[in-house]
Amino acid sequence: MCAPAPVWSQGVALPVHRLGGWLRRPQAAHGLQAGTGVALTARGAALLLEPLLA
């Protein structure tokens, strides 16, 4: 059961390492924050409207 753990760890570490450099750019960080804000606002609006639409 322990044999897949190092493979899984490498499978996660490599993409995170590659994305890390990209995410350190100010434009990418700003875009990620904006996208997260839009997604959370949309989810909040859906939760508020759910009782009205049910």
Protein backbone atom coordinates (compact mmCIF):
# COMPACT_ATOMS: atom_id res chain seq x y z
CA MET A 1 0.00 0.00 0.00
CA CYS A 2 2.90 2.39 0.64
CA ALA A 3 4.46 1.99 -2.80
CA PRO A 4 2.07 4.40 -4.63
CA ALA A 5 2.71 7.24 -2.14
CA PRO A 6 6.03 8.41 -3.65
CA VAL A 7 4.56 8.23 -7.15
CA TRP A 8 1.54 10.26 -6.06
CA SER A 9 3.77 12.78 -4.28
CA GLN A 10 5.86 13.30 -7.40
CA GLY A 11 2.70 13.53 -9.48
CA VAL A 12 1.50 16.41 -7.30
CA ALA A 13 4.86 18.09 -6.72
CA LEU A 14 5.83 18.47 -10.38
CA PRO A 15 2.74 20.42 -11.54
CA VAL A 16 2.79 22.56 -8.38
CA HIS A 17 6.45 23.38 -8.97
CA ARG A 18 5.78 24.32 -12.60
CA LEU A 19 2.72 26.40 -11.71
CA GLY A 20 4.58 28.13 -8.86
CA GLY A 21 6.71 30.21 -11.21
CA TRP A 22 3.69 31.18 -13.26
CA LEU A 23 1.63 32.09 -10.18
CA ARG A 24 4.38 34.37 -8.86
CA ARG A 25 3.76 36.73 -11.78
CA PRO A 26 1.59 39.67 -10.66
CA GLN A 27 -0.78 39.31 -13.63
CA ALA A 28 -1.42 35.63 -12.91
CA ALA A 29 -1.95 36.24 -9.20
CA HIS A 30 -4.37 39.08 -9.96
CA GLY A 31 -6.27 36.93 -12.44
CA LEU A 32 -6.50 34.08 -9.96
CA GLN A 33 -7.80 36.40 -7.25
CA ALA A 34 -10.35 37.93 -9.62
CA GLY A 35 -11.54 34.52 -10.78
CA THR A 36 -11.85 33.26 -7.22
CA GLY A 37 -13.80 36.38 -6.26
CA VAL A 38 -16.23 35.92 -9.13
CA ALA A 39 -16.72 32.23 -8.31
CA LEU A 40 -17.33 32.90 -4.60
CA THR A 41 -19.71 35.77 -5.36
CA ALA A 42 -21.67 33.59 -7.78
CA ARG A 43 -21.86 30.77 -5.22
CA GLY A 44 -23.00 33.20 -2.52
CA ALA A 45 -25.70 34.61 -4.80
CA ALA A 46 -26.87 31.09 -5.62
CA LEU A 47 -27.12 30.26 -1.93
CA LEU A 48 -29.10 33.43 -1.25
CA LEU A 49 -31.51 32.83 -4.12
CA GLU A 50 -32.01 29.12 -3.48
CA PRO A 51 -34.91 29.55 -1.01
CA LEU A 52 -36.66 31.96 -3.36
CA LEU A 53 -36.44 29.64 -6.34
CA ALA A 54 -37.40 26.44 -4.51
